[in-house]
Amino acid sequence: IPESPQLRPRRDGSGVYAAPCCHPSEGPPKLIIRNTAFLAHDAVPACLHLSPLNLPGLGESWKGDDWASYGTDENKQYRFRDIKGKTLRFQVKAAHDAHIALTSGEEETDPMLEVFIGGWEGAASAIRFKKADDLAKVDTPDILSEEEYREFWIAFDHDVVRVGKGAEWEPFMSATIPEPFDITHYGYSTGWGATGWWQFHSEIHFQTEDCLTYNFIPVYGDTFSFSVACSNDAHLALTSGPEETSPMYEVFIGGWENQHSAIRLSKEGRGSGEDMIKVDTPDVVCCEEERKFYISFKDGHIRVGYQDSDPFMEWTDPEPWKITHIGYCTGWGASGKWKFEF
């Protein structure tokens, strides 16, 4: 790739790497470059920056070396992306005023929700509806930093919006949505004198080998969506920590040679469980296609289904507990490629 006025690739023994230049109005770039090293000739485009991964807890199943970052300037202008799940998980580096919009389209809509983190010169955060009154506003001094990334999550399931910090499962602010609507997109922006860098967890792909060992990631809402490509036996665990716990739920999709799926309750650890429900799901997963699913577990009511459809399997635990992590793995001859919409 020839050198450009914006970027000059550096030859450092690991190969020559370059990245496309794009303008923020053109939307997010479609390509993530790995192991990239640049020398600034003029300036790196504000819409694309590649940073080393710094995510404890992802484990060896994460196969990338770099994670795309997206820059925002001082102008309050949302950049929009679609969202399939019910939780947005991200990290941001900004002095103040990290703003998220939740909308029903790829633009500002009516109605829409806005989440302001570190507004009012960094002193407070708020949830606003229809650009009118704040549904919630709390003091959050020093919640952001222009020197380091801070992780946050926003859950908007069951007509409630909740906002929390990474590795904290209790939200620091929440509000009931006055007029519930279908949220299909989110926008991100800085403003009021602040610039920022953003990274979104939904961009990360995970890979699993033919090994029935769970890899664990945190979950902050009580609904999540994911895609998986495998020939059979996509297994998920719902646990109260970043490990197999007693009790725990297991969800098997495409087990029994891709003919059945089940929800299993294991009260005394793995191997001691009993299938609470088992259903016929012939060819439910495919190694050549990423099939999209969701799992919800509010108040012990576990529902499993294809994205945007009714559940094909559900069961309610009369004695539920707090779920904080998801485990995922493949086995019985299958390897898999996963992507989560937290």
Protein backbone atom coordinates (compact mmCIF):
# COMPACT_ATOMS: atom_id res chain seq x y z
CA ILE A 1 0.00 0.00 0.00
CA PRO A 2 1.59 3.31 -1.02
CA GLU A 3 2.34 5.95 1.54
CA SER A 4 -0.25 8.65 2.02
CA PRO A 5 -0.18 12.21 3.38
CA GLN A 6 -1.82 10.94 6.58
CA LEU A 7 0.00 7.70 7.35
CA ARG A 8 3.44 6.34 6.65
CA PRO A 9 3.82 2.60 7.43
CA ARG A 10 6.88 1.59 9.39
CA ARG A 11 8.99 -1.45 8.51
CA ASP A 12 9.98 -2.96 11.82
CA GLY A 13 10.70 -6.56 10.95
CA SER A 14 7.15 -7.79 11.43
CA GLY A 15 5.95 -6.64 8.01
CA VAL A 16 4.44 -3.53 6.50
CA TYR A 17 0.98 -2.60 7.67
CA ALA A 18 -1.30 0.27 6.77
CA ALA A 19 -4.84 1.36 7.49
CA PRO A 20 -7.50 3.08 5.41
CA CYS A 21 -8.25 6.76 5.97
CA CYS A 22 -11.87 7.70 6.32
CA HIS A 23 -13.90 10.67 7.43
CA PRO A 24 -16.25 10.38 10.44
CA SER A 25 -19.23 11.20 8.23
CA GLU A 26 -18.53 8.05 6.22
CA GLY A 27 -19.24 5.87 9.24
CA PRO A 28 -16.95 3.46 11.07
CA PRO A 29 -14.21 1.72 9.10
CA LYS A 30 -14.90 -1.82 8.03
CA LEU A 31 -11.41 -3.17 8.60
CA ILE A 32 -9.45 -3.87 11.76
CA ILE A 33 -5.69 -4.07 11.26
CA ARG A 34 -3.59 -6.19 13.62
CA ASN A 35 -0.03 -5.64 14.89
CA THR A 36 0.07 -2.16 13.36
CA ALA A 37 2.79 0.44 13.89
CA PHE A 38 2.63 3.91 12.37
CA LEU A 39 4.84 6.93 12.21
CA ALA A 40 2.76 10.10 12.13
CA HIS A 41 3.47 12.10 8.98
CA ASP A 42 0.81 14.70 9.55
CA ALA A 43 -1.93 13.36 11.82
CA VAL A 44 -3.70 10.04 12.25
CA PRO A 45 -7.31 10.37 11.02
CA ALA A 46 -9.59 11.03 13.98
CA CYS A 47 -12.01 8.30 12.93
CA LEU A 48 -9.55 5.39 13.24
CA HIS A 49 -6.86 4.55 15.74
CA LEU A 50 -5.51 1.17 16.73
CA SER A 51 -4.64 0.48 20.34
CA PRO A 52 -3.24 -2.54 22.18
CA LEU A 53 -5.85 -4.68 23.85
CA ASN A 54 -6.12 -4.26 27.59
CA LEU A 55 -9.02 -6.41 28.68
CA PRO A 56 -8.49 -8.69 31.64
CA GLY A 57 -10.71 -11.73 31.68
CA LEU A 58 -10.99 -12.37 27.95
CA GLY A 59 -8.73 -15.39 28.11
CA GLU A 60 -6.90 -17.12 25.31
CA SER A 61 -10.00 -17.45 23.13
CA TRP A 62 -9.64 -13.85 21.95
CA LYS A 63 -7.50 -14.03 18.81
CA GLY A 64 -6.86 -10.36 17.98
CA ASP A 65 -3.83 -8.26 18.84
CA ASP A 66 -5.35 -4.83 18.41
CA TRP A 67 -8.72 -3.25 19.01
CA ALA A 68 -10.04 -0.40 16.87
CA SER A 69 -10.58 2.96 18.56
CA TYR A 70 -12.86 5.68 17.21
CA GLY A 71 -12.23 9.36 17.83
CA THR A 72 -14.78 12.10 18.47
CA ASP A 73 -14.17 15.84 18.47
CA GLU A 74 -15.49 18.81 20.44
CA ASN A 75 -18.60 19.14 18.29
CA LYS A 76 -21.67 17.45 19.74
CA GLN A 77 -22.41 15.17 16.77
CA TYR A 78 -23.44 11.55 17.22
CA ARG A 79 -21.93 8.78 15.10
CA PHE A 80 -24.53 6.02 14.78
CA ARG A 81 -24.24 2.22 14.74
CA ASP A 82 -26.79 -0.56 14.96
CA ILE A 83 -27.16 -2.71 18.05
CA LYS A 84 -28.74 -6.17 18.31
CA GLY A 85 -28.49 -6.87 22.02
CA LYS A 86 -29.93 -5.16 25.06
CA THR A 87 -26.64 -4.03 26.62
CA LEU A 88 -24.00 -1.70 25.21
CA ARG A 89 -20.54 -2.27 26.63
CA PHE A 90 -17.72 0.13 25.82
CA GLN A 91 -14.76 2.05 27.16
CA VAL A 92 -13.97 5.69 26.58
CA LYS A 93 -11.08 8.07 27.18
CA ALA A 94 -12.21 11.69 27.56
CA ALA A 95 -11.83 14.55 30.02
CA HIS A 96 -15.61 14.96 30.34
CA ASP A 97 -18.90 14.72 28.43
CA ALA A 98 -19.03 11.22 26.96
CA HIS A 99 -22.52 11.03 25.44
CA ILE A 100 -24.51 8.03 24.17
CA ALA A 101 -27.83 8.22 22.30
CA LEU A 102 -30.22 5.25 22.05
CA THR A 103 -32.53 5.56 19.05
CA SER A 104 -34.89 3.68 16.73
CA GLY A 105 -32.87 4.57 13.62
CA GLU A 106 -29.49 5.63 12.27
CA GLU A 107 -30.08 9.22 13.36
CA GLU A 108 -31.60 11.20 16.20
CA THR A 109 -35.19 10.02 16.55
CA ASP A 110 -38.29 10.93 18.53
CA PRO A 111 -38.31 9.41 21.05
CA MET A 112 -34.70 8.84 21.99
CA LEU A 113 -32.71 8.36 25.16
CA GLU A 114 -29.43 10.11 25.94
CA VAL A 115 -26.89 9.06 28.54
CA PHE A 116 -24.41 11.72 29.62
CA ILE A 117 -21.36 10.45 31.50
CA GLY A 118 -19.15 13.06 33.13
CA GLY A 119 -21.19 16.05 32.02
CA TRP A 120 -21.29 19.42 33.69
CA GLU A 121 -17.49 19.73 33.42
CA GLY A 122 -17.11 16.15 34.64
CA ALA A 123 -19.10 16.57 37.84
CA ALA A 124 -22.35 14.72 37.09
CA SER A 125 -24.02 12.13 34.87
CA ALA A 126 -27.61 11.94 33.64
CA ILE A 127 -30.24 10.05 31.63
CA ARG A 128 -32.38 12.29 29.41
CA PHE A 129 -35.52 11.48 27.39
CA LYS A 130 -36.66 13.31 24.25
CA LYS A 131 -34.05 16.05 24.76
CA ALA A 132 -36.25 17.32 27.61
CA ASP A 133 -36.05 16.78 31.35
CA ASP A 134 -33.49 14.48 32.93
CA LEU A 135 -34.97 11.18 34.13
CA ALA A 136 -32.00 10.75 36.46
CA LYS A 137 -29.00 12.87 37.42
CA VAL A 138 -26.27 11.89 39.89
CA ASP A 139 -22.98 13.33 41.09
CA THR A 140 -20.05 11.46 39.51
CA PRO A 141 -16.87 13.50 40.06
CA ASP A 142 -13.77 12.21 38.23
CA ILE A 143 -15.74 9.44 36.52
CA LEU A 144 -13.84 10.01 33.25
CA SER A 145 -10.17 10.43 32.41
CA GLU A 146 -8.39 11.86 29.37
CA GLU A 147 -5.33 9.77 30.28
CA GLU A 148 -6.86 6.26 30.42
CA TYR A 149 -9.82 4.28 29.18
CA ARG A 150 -12.73 3.82 31.60
CA GLU A 151 -15.23 1.02 30.98
CA PHE A 152 -19.01 1.40 31.20
CA TRP A 153 -22.16 -0.51 30.32
CA ILE A 154 -25.68 0.58 29.47
CA ALA A 155 -28.54 -1.94 29.74
CA PHE A 156 -31.97 -1.11 28.34
CA ASP A 157 -34.03 -4.25 28.79
CA HIS A 158 -37.49 -4.53 30.34
CA ASP A 159 -38.29 -0.82 29.77
CA VAL A 160 -35.58 0.32 32.17
CA VAL A 161 -32.26 1.92 31.32
CA ARG A 162 -29.37 1.28 33.69
CA VAL A 163 -25.83 2.66 33.54
CA GLY A 164 -22.86 1.16 35.37
CA LYS A 165 -19.08 0.93 35.47
CA GLY A 166 -17.06 -2.02 34.23
CA ALA A 167 -16.64 -4.77 36.85
CA GLU A 168 -19.50 -3.28 38.89
CA TRP A 169 -22.86 -5.02 38.51
CA GLU A 170 -24.96 -2.45 40.35
CA PRO A 171 -25.76 0.61 38.20
CA PHE A 172 -24.79 4.04 39.43
CA MET A 173 -27.92 5.48 37.79
CA SER A 174 -31.11 4.10 36.30
CA ALA A 175 -34.54 5.23 35.11
CA THR A 176 -37.79 3.80 33.78
CA ILE A 177 -38.36 4.61 30.11
CA PRO A 178 -41.56 6.74 30.06
CA GLU A 179 -42.56 5.69 26.54
CA PRO A 180 -40.87 2.39 25.65
CA PHE A 181 -39.69 2.09 22.04
CA ASP A 182 -37.65 -0.31 19.93
CA ILE A 183 -33.96 0.58 20.29
CA THR A 184 -32.05 -0.44 17.16
CA HIS A 185 -29.10 1.99 17.11
CA TYR A 186 -26.74 3.88 19.38
CA GLY A 187 -24.79 7.06 18.77
CA TYR A 188 -21.62 8.20 20.53
CA SER A 189 -20.20 11.69 20.89
CA THR A 190 -18.12 14.06 22.96
CA GLY A 191 -18.60 17.81 23.19
CA TRP A 192 -18.47 20.91 25.31
CA GLY A 193 -14.72 21.24 24.82
CA ALA A 194 -13.86 17.53 25.18
CA THR A 195 -12.51 15.10 22.61
CA GLY A 196 -12.53 11.35 23.09
CA TRP A 197 -11.50 7.85 22.02
CA TRP A 198 -14.00 4.99 22.09
CA GLN A 199 -13.76 1.19 21.94
CA PHE A 200 -16.78 -1.15 21.68
CA HIS A 201 -16.78 -4.70 22.97
CA SER A 202 -19.23 -5.95 20.32
CA GLU A 203 -16.43 -5.74 17.73
CA ILE A 204 -14.40 -8.52 19.34
CA HIS A 205 -14.54 -12.04 17.90
CA PHE A 206 -13.79 -15.08 20.03
CA GLN A 207 -12.70 -18.53 18.93
CA THR A 208 -13.09 -21.82 20.77
CA GLU A 209 -11.44 -25.16 20.05
CA ASP A 210 -12.80 -28.67 20.43
CA CYS A 211 -12.42 -28.49 24.19
CA LEU A 212 -15.23 -28.45 26.73
CA THR A 213 -13.58 -25.76 28.85
CA TYR A 214 -15.54 -22.57 29.41
CA ASN A 215 -14.08 -19.12 28.75
CA PHE A 216 -15.75 -16.45 30.89
CA ILE A 217 -16.78 -12.85 30.24
CA PRO A 218 -18.90 -10.52 32.42
CA VAL A 219 -22.56 -9.80 31.65
CA TYR A 220 -24.28 -6.73 33.08
CA GLY A 221 -27.87 -6.89 31.86
CA ASP A 222 -30.16 -9.90 31.95
CA THR A 223 -30.39 -10.35 28.18
CA PHE A 224 -27.59 -10.84 25.67
CA SER A 225 -27.34 -11.66 21.98
CA PHE A 226 -24.58 -13.55 20.23
CA SER A 227 -23.65 -15.25 16.99
CA VAL A 228 -21.82 -18.54 16.68
CA ALA A 229 -20.54 -20.63 13.79
CA CYS A 230 -19.90 -24.27 14.67
CA SER A 231 -20.94 -27.71 13.48
CA ASN A 232 -22.57 -28.73 16.77
CA ASP A 233 -22.46 -28.25 20.55
CA ALA A 234 -22.36 -24.52 21.27
CA HIS A 235 -22.33 -24.50 25.08
CA LEU A 236 -22.93 -21.55 27.40
CA ALA A 237 -22.80 -21.34 31.19
CA LEU A 238 -24.57 -18.72 33.32
CA THR A 239 -22.67 -18.29 36.57
CA SER A 240 -22.18 -16.05 39.60
CA GLY A 241 -18.46 -15.55 38.94
CA PRO A 242 -15.72 -15.87 36.29
CA GLU A 243 -15.59 -19.65 36.73
CA GLU A 244 -17.82 -22.66 37.03
CA THR A 245 -19.98 -22.14 40.10
CA SER A 246 -22.40 -24.15 42.18
CA PRO A 247 -25.12 -23.75 41.18
CA MET A 248 -24.94 -22.75 37.52
CA TYR A 249 -27.10 -22.98 34.42
CA GLU A 250 -25.84 -24.50 31.19
CA VAL A 251 -27.40 -23.93 27.78
CA PHE A 252 -26.57 -26.44 25.06
CA ILE A 253 -27.41 -25.39 21.50
CA GLY A 254 -27.04 -28.03 18.81
CA GLY A 255 -26.01 -30.86 21.09
CA TRP A 256 -26.53 -34.55 20.41
CA GLU A 257 -24.98 -34.26 16.92
CA ASN A 258 -26.79 -30.95 16.23
CA GLN A 259 -30.23 -32.45 16.79
CA HIS A 260 -31.29 -31.16 20.24
CA SER A 261 -30.85 -28.24 22.62
CA ALA A 262 -31.27 -28.14 26.40
CA ILE A 263 -31.16 -26.06 29.57
CA ARG A 264 -29.37 -27.81 32.41
CA LEU A 265 -29.28 -26.92 36.11
CA SER A 266 -26.09 -27.99 37.86
CA LYS A 267 -26.43 -27.55 41.62
CA GLU A 268 -23.28 -29.36 42.67
CA GLY A 269 -20.93 -28.41 39.84
CA ARG A 270 -20.46 -29.55 36.31
CA GLY A 271 -21.37 -33.16 35.62
CA SER A 272 -24.01 -33.25 38.33
CA GLY A 273 -26.71 -31.45 36.38
CA GLU A 274 -30.15 -32.38 35.21
CA ASP A 275 -31.76 -31.20 31.97
CA MET A 276 -34.71 -29.00 32.90
CA ILE A 277 -35.89 -28.90 29.30
CA LYS A 278 -34.69 -30.57 26.11
CA VAL A 279 -36.12 -29.77 22.68
CA ASP A 280 -35.63 -30.92 19.09
CA THR A 281 -33.56 -28.40 17.11
CA PRO A 282 -32.22 -30.19 14.02
CA ASP A 283 -29.36 -28.33 12.29
CA VAL A 284 -29.75 -25.34 14.64
CA VAL A 285 -26.07 -24.36 14.23
CA CYS A 286 -23.81 -24.41 11.19
CA CYS A 287 -20.03 -24.28 10.82
CA GLU A 288 -20.27 -22.27 7.58
CA GLU A 289 -22.68 -19.60 8.83
CA GLU A 290 -22.86 -17.43 11.93
CA ARG A 291 -26.28 -18.11 13.42
CA LYS A 292 -27.67 -15.42 15.73
CA PHE A 293 -29.31 -16.16 19.08
CA TYR A 294 -30.34 -14.49 22.33
CA ILE A 295 -30.56 -15.64 25.94
CA SER A 296 -32.46 -13.81 28.68
CA PHE A 297 -32.54 -14.79 32.34
CA LYS A 298 -34.55 -12.17 34.24
CA ASP A 299 -35.72 -13.47 37.65
CA GLY A 300 -34.66 -17.01 36.78
CA HIS A 301 -36.81 -17.18 33.64
CA ILE A 302 -34.34 -18.49 31.06
CA ARG A 303 -35.35 -17.98 27.44
CA VAL A 304 -33.33 -19.07 24.39
CA GLY A 305 -34.22 -18.16 20.83
CA TYR A 306 -33.15 -17.01 17.42
CA GLN A 307 -32.58 -13.28 17.15
CA ASP A 308 -35.86 -11.37 16.65
CA SER A 309 -38.05 -14.41 17.27
CA ASP A 310 -39.95 -16.13 20.05
CA PRO A 311 -37.91 -18.49 22.24
CA PHE A 312 -37.61 -22.09 21.10
CA MET A 313 -36.69 -23.15 24.65
CA GLU A 314 -37.48 -21.71 28.08
CA TRP A 315 -37.62 -22.71 31.73
CA THR A 316 -38.09 -20.89 35.04
CA ASP A 317 -36.02 -21.60 38.15
CA PRO A 318 -38.09 -21.06 41.31
CA GLU A 319 -34.89 -20.28 43.23
CA PRO A 320 -32.81 -18.00 40.96
CA TRP A 321 -29.56 -16.24 41.83
CA LYS A 322 -27.55 -13.28 40.52
CA ILE A 323 -25.82 -14.04 37.22
CA THR A 324 -22.67 -12.01 36.60
CA HIS A 325 -20.76 -13.98 33.95
CA ILE A 326 -21.18 -15.99 30.77
CA GLY A 327 -19.07 -19.00 29.91
CA TYR A 328 -18.83 -20.24 26.33
CA CYS A 329 -17.16 -23.26 24.70
CA THR A 330 -17.48 -25.89 22.02
CA GLY A 331 -16.73 -29.59 22.09
CA TRP A 332 -17.67 -33.07 20.92
CA GLY A 333 -15.73 -32.57 17.69
CA ALA A 334 -16.66 -28.92 17.14
CA SER A 335 -14.70 -25.66 17.19
CA GLY A 336 -16.44 -22.30 17.01
CA LYS A 337 -16.33 -18.62 16.20
CA TRP A 338 -18.33 -16.33 18.50
CA LYS A 339 -19.38 -12.70 18.69
CA PHE A 340 -21.32 -11.22 21.62
CA GLU A 341 -23.67 -8.24 21.77
CA PHE A 342 -23.42 -7.66 25.51
